[in-house]
Amino acid sequence: MPKMKTSRAAAKRFKVTGSGKLVRNKAYKRHILTKKTTKRKRNLRKQIEVDCTNVKSMKKILPYL
C-alpha cells in the first residue's frame, strides 16, 4: 500500500492542538481593512476551532497531522 499524501494547501492552513482539535485562522483580514473597526480586526486575529461538520473531511486530507 503506498503512502497517503497530505494536502499541502490544507497543511499550511490548519494546525492541531495538544488535545487533537483542528484550528484555523479567520477570514476577512487581508485587505479593505480601513472600513472595519479595530474591535472587529482584533477579533479576526484569533484562531478558531474547525467546525465539527468539517473535521472528518479535514482529517482525511491531513492523514499525518
PDB file of N, CA and C in Angstrom:
ATOM      1  N   MET A   1       0.848  -1.185   0.000  1.00  0.00           N
ATOM      2  CA  MET A   1       0.000   0.000   0.000  1.00  0.00           C
ATOM      3  C   MET A   1       0.891   1.246   0.000  1.00  0.00           C
ATOM      4  N   PRO A   2       0.680   2.157  -0.944  1.00  0.00           N
ATOM      5  CA  PRO A   2       1.509   3.364  -0.965  1.00  0.00           C
ATOM      6  C   PRO A   2       1.147   4.317   0.173  1.00  0.00           C
ATOM      7  N   LYS A   3       2.055   5.228   0.416  1.00  0.00           N
ATOM      8  CA  LYS A   3       1.807   6.231   1.449  1.00  0.00           C
ATOM      9  C   LYS A   3       0.655   7.132   1.026  1.00  0.00           C
ATOM     10  N   MET A   4      -0.058   7.638   2.015  1.00  0.00           N
ATOM     11  CA  MET A   4      -1.118   8.608   1.730  1.00  0.00           C
ATOM     12  C   MET A   4      -0.476   9.983   1.616  1.00  0.00           C
ATOM     13  N   LYS A   5      -0.992  10.800   0.719  1.00  0.00           N
ATOM     14  CA  LYS A   5      -0.433  12.143   0.542  1.00  0.00           C
ATOM     15  C   LYS A   5      -1.223  13.166   1.346  1.00  0.00           C
ATOM     16  N   THR A   6      -0.484  14.059   1.981  1.00  0.00           N
ATOM     17  CA  THR A   6      -1.080  15.180   2.696  1.00  0.00           C
ATOM     18  C   THR A   6      -1.373  16.286   1.704  1.00  0.00           C
ATOM     19  N   SER A   7      -2.544  16.893   1.827  1.00  0.00           N
ATOM     20  CA  SER A   7      -2.867  18.068   1.020  1.00  0.00           C
ATOM     21  C   SER A   7      -2.018  19.222   1.533  1.00  0.00           C
ATOM     22  N   ARG A   8      -1.083  19.691   0.738  1.00  0.00           N
ATOM     23  CA  ARG A   8      -0.159  20.739   1.182  1.00  0.00           C
ATOM     24  C   ARG A   8      -0.888  22.051   1.431  1.00  0.00           C
ATOM     25  N   ALA A   9      -1.925  22.322   0.663  1.00  0.00           N
ATOM     26  CA  ALA A   9      -2.704  23.549   0.868  1.00  0.00           C
ATOM     27  C   ALA A   9      -3.356  23.532   2.246  1.00  0.00           C
ATOM     28  N   ALA A  10      -3.908  22.385   2.626  1.00  0.00           N
ATOM     29  CA  ALA A  10      -4.564  22.270   3.933  1.00  0.00           C
ATOM     30  C   ALA A  10      -3.542  22.281   5.061  1.00  0.00           C
ATOM     31  N   ALA A  11      -2.371  21.680   4.826  1.00  0.00           N
ATOM     32  CA  ALA A  11      -1.340  21.615   5.866  1.00  0.00           C
ATOM     33  C   ALA A  11      -0.856  23.008   6.249  1.00  0.00           C
ATOM     34  N   LYS A  12      -0.900  23.943   5.308  1.00  0.00           N
ATOM     35  CA  LYS A  12      -0.470  25.310   5.586  1.00  0.00           C
ATOM     36  C   LYS A  12      -1.545  26.106   6.315  1.00  0.00           C
ATOM     37  N   ARG A  13      -2.793  25.639   6.286  1.00  0.00           N
ATOM     38  CA  ARG A  13      -3.906  26.408   6.831  1.00  0.00           C
ATOM     39  C   ARG A  13      -4.432  25.900   8.170  1.00  0.00           C
ATOM     40  N   PHE A  14      -4.160  24.642   8.503  1.00  0.00           N
ATOM     41  CA  PHE A  14      -4.714  24.054   9.719  1.00  0.00           C
ATOM     42  C   PHE A  14      -3.608  23.544  10.623  1.00  0.00           C
ATOM     43  N   LYS A  15      -3.853  23.643  11.947  1.00  0.00           N
ATOM     44  CA  LYS A  15      -2.927  23.111  12.935  1.00  0.00           C
ATOM     45  C   LYS A  15      -3.720  22.256  13.901  1.00  0.00           C
ATOM     46  N   VAL A  16      -3.022  21.350  14.576  1.00  0.00           N
ATOM     47  CA  VAL A  16      -3.669  20.505  15.574  1.00  0.00           C
ATOM     48  C   VAL A  16      -3.244  20.976  16.958  1.00  0.00           C
ATOM     49  N   THR A  17      -4.204  21.086  17.864  1.00  0.00           N
ATOM     50  CA  THR A  17      -3.907  21.478  19.237  1.00  0.00           C
ATOM     51  C   THR A  17      -3.392  20.260  19.999  1.00  0.00           C
ATOM     52  N   GLY A  18      -2.989  20.473  21.214  1.00  0.00           N
ATOM     53  CA  GLY A  18      -2.496  19.381  22.037  1.00  0.00           C
ATOM     54  C   GLY A  18      -3.537  18.319  22.298  1.00  0.00           C
ATOM     55  N   SER A  19      -4.801  18.727  22.358  1.00  0.00           N
ATOM     56  CA  SER A  19      -5.886  17.769  22.609  1.00  0.00           C
ATOM     57  C   SER A  19      -6.409  17.140  21.320  1.00  0.00           C
ATOM     58  N   GLY A  20      -5.795  17.487  20.172  1.00  0.00           N
ATOM     59  CA  GLY A  20      -6.169  16.846  18.911  1.00  0.00           C
ATOM     60  C   GLY A  20      -7.218  17.566  18.103  1.00  0.00           C
ATOM     61  N   LYS A  21      -7.602  18.772  18.509  1.00  0.00           N
ATOM     62  CA  LYS A  21      -8.595  19.533  17.755  1.00  0.00           C
ATOM     63  C   LYS A  21      -7.910  20.324  16.652  1.00  0.00           C
ATOM     64  N   LEU A  22      -8.639  20.574  15.561  1.00  0.00           N
ATOM     65  CA  LEU A  22      -8.102  21.361  14.447  1.00  0.00           C
ATOM     66  C   LEU A  22      -8.442  22.823  14.657  1.00  0.00           C
ATOM     67  N   VAL A  23      -7.471  23.699  14.418  1.00  0.00           N
ATOM     68  CA  VAL A  23      -7.718  25.137  14.495  1.00  0.00           C
ATOM     69  C   VAL A  23      -7.343  25.789  13.176  1.00  0.00           C
ATOM     70  N   ARG A  24      -7.993  26.908  12.895  1.00  0.00           N
ATOM     71  CA  ARG A  24      -7.763  27.637  11.659  1.00  0.00           C
ATOM     72  C   ARG A  24      -7.798  29.128  11.954  1.00  0.00           C
ATOM     73  N   ASN A  25      -7.278  29.917  11.022  1.00  0.00           N
ATOM     74  CA  ASN A  25      -7.365  31.360  11.140  1.00  0.00           C
ATOM     75  C   ASN A  25      -8.672  31.837  10.523  1.00  0.00           C
ATOM     76  N   LYS A  26      -9.136  32.979  10.952  1.00  0.00           N
ATOM     77  CA  LYS A  26     -10.376  33.537  10.428  1.00  0.00           C
ATOM     78  C   LYS A  26     -10.121  34.242   9.099  1.00  0.00           C
ATOM     79  N   ALA A  27     -11.161  34.374   8.321  1.00  0.00           N
ATOM     80  CA  ALA A  27     -11.092  35.045   7.020  1.00  0.00           C
ATOM     81  C   ALA A  27     -11.359  36.548   7.190  1.00  0.00           C
ATOM     82  N   TYR A  28     -11.265  37.288   6.097  1.00  0.00           N
ATOM     83  CA  TYR A  28     -11.583  38.730   6.017  1.00  0.00           C
ATOM     84  C   TYR A  28     -10.574  39.615   6.725  1.00  0.00           C
ATOM     85  N   LYS A  29      -9.303  39.228   6.760  1.00  0.00           N
ATOM     86  CA  LYS A  29      -8.284  40.040   7.429  1.00  0.00           C
ATOM     87  C   LYS A  29      -7.179  40.445   6.455  1.00  0.00           C
ATOM     88  N   ARG A  30      -7.365  40.295   5.152  1.00  0.00           N
ATOM     89  CA  ARG A  30      -6.298  40.517   4.177  1.00  0.00           C
ATOM     90  C   ARG A  30      -6.282  41.931   3.602  1.00  0.00           C
ATOM     91  N   HIS A  31      -7.421  42.439   3.227  1.00  0.00           N
ATOM     92  CA  HIS A  31      -7.448  43.772   2.602  1.00  0.00           C
ATOM     93  C   HIS A  31      -8.791  44.428   2.887  1.00  0.00           C
ATOM     94  N   ILE A  32      -8.932  45.687   2.464  1.00  0.00           N
ATOM     95  CA  ILE A  32     -10.101  46.524   2.767  1.00  0.00           C
ATOM     96  C   ILE A  32     -10.307  46.585   4.287  1.00  0.00           C
ATOM     97  N   LEU A  33      -9.238  46.950   4.988  1.00  0.00           N
ATOM     98  CA  LEU A  33      -9.285  46.974   6.445  1.00  0.00           C
ATOM     99  C   LEU A  33      -9.691  48.335   7.006  1.00  0.00           C
ATOM    100  N   THR A  34      -9.715  49.368   6.155  1.00  0.00           N
ATOM    101  CA  THR A  34      -9.990  50.718   6.659  1.00  0.00           C
ATOM    102  C   THR A  34     -11.425  50.866   7.146  1.00  0.00           C
ATOM    103  N   LYS A  35     -12.358  50.165   6.527  1.00  0.00           N
ATOM    104  CA  LYS A  35     -13.760  50.299   6.940  1.00  0.00           C
ATOM    105  C   LYS A  35     -14.135  49.375   8.091  1.00  0.00           C
ATOM    106  N   LYS A  36     -13.236  48.470   8.470  1.00  0.00           N
ATOM    107  CA  LYS A  36     -13.509  47.549   9.573  1.00  0.00           C
ATOM    108  C   LYS A  36     -13.057  48.175  10.888  1.00  0.00           C
ATOM    109  N   THR A  37     -13.829  47.967  11.925  1.00  0.00           N
ATOM    110  CA  THR A  37     -13.499  48.564  13.215  1.00  0.00           C
ATOM    111  C   THR A  37     -12.289  47.856  13.829  1.00  0.00           C
ATOM    112  N   THR A  38     -11.648  48.546  14.756  1.00  0.00           N
ATOM    113  CA  THR A  38     -10.483  47.989  15.444  1.00  0.00           C
ATOM    114  C   THR A  38     -10.867  46.728  16.194  1.00  0.00           C
ATOM    115  N   LYS A  39     -12.035  46.734  16.823  1.00  0.00           N
ATOM    116  CA  LYS A  39     -12.503  45.573  17.582  1.00  0.00           C
ATOM    117  C   LYS A  39     -12.697  44.368  16.650  1.00  0.00           C
ATOM    118  N   ARG A  40     -13.267  44.628  15.484  1.00  0.00           N
ATOM    119  CA  ARG A  40     -13.510  43.536  14.529  1.00  0.00           C
ATOM    120  C   ARG A  40     -12.203  42.947  14.024  1.00  0.00           C
ATOM    121  N   LYS A  41     -11.236  43.826  13.718  1.00  0.00           N
ATOM    122  CA  LYS A  41      -9.925  43.360  13.240  1.00  0.00           C
ATOM    123  C   LYS A  41      -9.180  42.595  14.331  1.00  0.00           C
ATOM    124  N   ARG A  42      -9.312  43.041  15.580  1.00  0.00           N
ATOM    125  CA  ARG A  42      -8.666  42.367  16.704  1.00  0.00           C
ATOM    126  C   ARG A  42      -9.239  40.961  16.890  1.00  0.00           C
ATOM    127  N   ASN A  43     -10.548  40.821  16.753  1.00  0.00           N
ATOM    128  CA  ASN A  43     -11.181  39.511  16.903  1.00  0.00           C
ATOM    129  C   ASN A  43     -10.852  38.579  15.741  1.00  0.00           C
ATOM    130  N   LEU A  44     -10.519  39.137  14.572  1.00  0.00           N
ATOM    131  CA  LEU A  44     -10.146  38.306  13.426  1.00  0.00           C
ATOM    132  C   LEU A  44      -8.750  37.712  13.580  1.00  0.00           C
ATOM    133  N   ARG A  45      -7.945  38.252  14.504  1.00  0.00           N
ATOM    134  CA  ARG A  45      -6.595  37.728  14.740  1.00  0.00           C
ATOM    135  C   ARG A  45      -6.633  36.353  15.389  1.00  0.00           C
ATOM    136  N   LYS A  46      -7.630  36.121  16.192  1.00  0.00           N
ATOM    137  CA  LYS A  46      -7.695  34.901  16.997  1.00  0.00           C
ATOM    138  C   LYS A  46      -7.966  33.682  16.124  1.00  0.00           C
ATOM    139  N   GLN A  47      -7.387  32.558  16.539  1.00  0.00           N
ATOM    140  CA  GLN A  47      -7.677  31.307  15.842  1.00  0.00           C
ATOM    141  C   GLN A  47      -8.965  30.723  16.396  1.00  0.00           C
ATOM    142  N   ILE A  48      -9.615  29.910  15.569  1.00  0.00           N
ATOM    143  CA  ILE A  48     -10.894  29.319  15.957  1.00  0.00           C
ATOM    144  C   ILE A  48     -10.862  27.837  15.628  1.00  0.00           C
ATOM    145  N   GLU A  49     -11.605  27.082  16.400  1.00  0.00           N
ATOM    146  CA  GLU A  49     -11.679  25.640  16.179  1.00  0.00           C
ATOM    147  C   GLU A  49     -12.489  25.360  14.911  1.00  0.00           C
ATOM    148  N   VAL A  50     -12.061  24.358  14.150  1.00  0.00           N
ATOM    149  CA  VAL A  50     -12.770  23.977  12.931  1.00  0.00           C
ATOM    150  C   VAL A  50     -14.107  23.380  13.324  1.00  0.00           C
ATOM    151  N   ASP A  51     -15.154  23.723  12.572  1.00  0.00           N
ATOM    152  CA  ASP A  51     -16.500  23.243  12.856  1.00  0.00           C
ATOM    153  C   ASP A  51     -16.562  21.718  12.774  1.00  0.00           C
ATOM    154  N   CYS A  52     -17.365  21.133  13.638  1.00  0.00           N
ATOM    155  CA  CYS A  52     -17.429  19.666  13.736  1.00  0.00           C
ATOM    156  C   CYS A  52     -17.899  19.018  12.433  1.00  0.00           C
ATOM    157  N   THR A  53     -18.651  19.750  11.612  1.00  0.00           N
ATOM    158  CA  THR A  53     -19.134  19.187  10.347  1.00  0.00           C
ATOM    159  C   THR A  53     -18.021  19.021   9.324  1.00  0.00           C
ATOM    160  N   ASN A  54     -16.911  19.749   9.498  1.00  0.00           N
ATOM    161  CA  ASN A  54     -15.801  19.688   8.544  1.00  0.00           C
ATOM    162  C   ASN A  54     -14.626  18.848   9.028  1.00  0.00           C
ATOM    163  N   VAL A  55     -14.633  18.442  10.274  1.00  0.00           N
ATOM    164  CA  VAL A  55     -13.471  17.768  10.860  1.00  0.00           C
ATOM    165  C   VAL A  55     -13.168  16.449  10.153  1.00  0.00           C
ATOM    166  N   LYS A  56     -14.197  15.685   9.818  1.00  0.00           N
ATOM    167  CA  LYS A  56     -13.998  14.376   9.200  1.00  0.00           C
ATOM    168  C   LYS A  56     -13.260  14.498   7.873  1.00  0.00           C
ATOM    169  N   SER A  57     -13.668  15.448   7.030  1.00  0.00           N
ATOM    170  CA  SER A  57     -13.011  15.622   5.729  1.00  0.00           C
ATOM    171  C   SER A  57     -11.620  16.208   5.881  1.00  0.00           C
ATOM    172  N   MET A  58     -11.407  17.053   6.892  1.00  0.00           N
ATOM    173  CA  MET A  58     -10.081  17.629   7.129  1.00  0.00           C
ATOM    174  C   MET A  58      -9.095  16.554   7.578  1.00  0.00           C
ATOM    175  N   LYS A  59      -9.539  15.645   8.440  1.00  0.00           N
ATOM    176  CA  LYS A  59      -8.672  14.560   8.909  1.00  0.00           C
ATOM    177  C   LYS A  59      -8.286  13.643   7.747  1.00  0.00           C
ATOM    178  N   LYS A  60      -9.179  13.533   6.753  1.00  0.00           N
ATOM    179  CA  LYS A  60      -8.913  12.674   5.606  1.00  0.00           C
ATOM    180  C   LYS A  60      -7.818  13.263   4.718  1.00  0.00           C
ATOM    181  N   ILE A  61      -7.821  14.584   4.529  1.00  0.00           N
ATOM    182  CA  ILE A  61      -6.797  15.204   3.671  1.00  0.00           C
ATOM    183  C   ILE A  61      -5.530  15.551   4.437  1.00  0.00           C
ATOM    184  N   LEU A  62      -5.569  15.387   5.764  1.00  0.00           N
ATOM    185  CA  LEU A  62      -4.385  15.589   6.610  1.00  0.00           C
ATOM    186  C   LEU A  62      -4.124  14.309   7.404  1.00  0.00           C
ATOM    187  N   PRO A  63      -3.724  13.225   6.738  1.00  0.00           N
ATOM    188  CA  PRO A  63      -3.628  11.930   7.425  1.00  0.00           C
ATOM    189  C   PRO A  63      -2.550  11.853   8.495  1.00  0.00           C
ATOM    190  N   TYR A  64      -1.483  12.634   8.400  1.00  0.00           N
ATOM    191  CA  TYR A  64      -0.375  12.528   9.353  1.00  0.00           C
ATOM    192  C   TYR A  64      -0.305  13.682  10.327  1.00  0.00           C
ATOM    193  N   LEU A  65      -1.335  14.491  10.381  1.00  0.00           N
ATOM    194  CA  LEU A  65      -1.340  15.658  11.252  1.00  0.00           C
ATOM    195  C   LEU A  65      -1.756  15.275  12.648  1.00  0.00           C
TER     196      LEU A  65
END
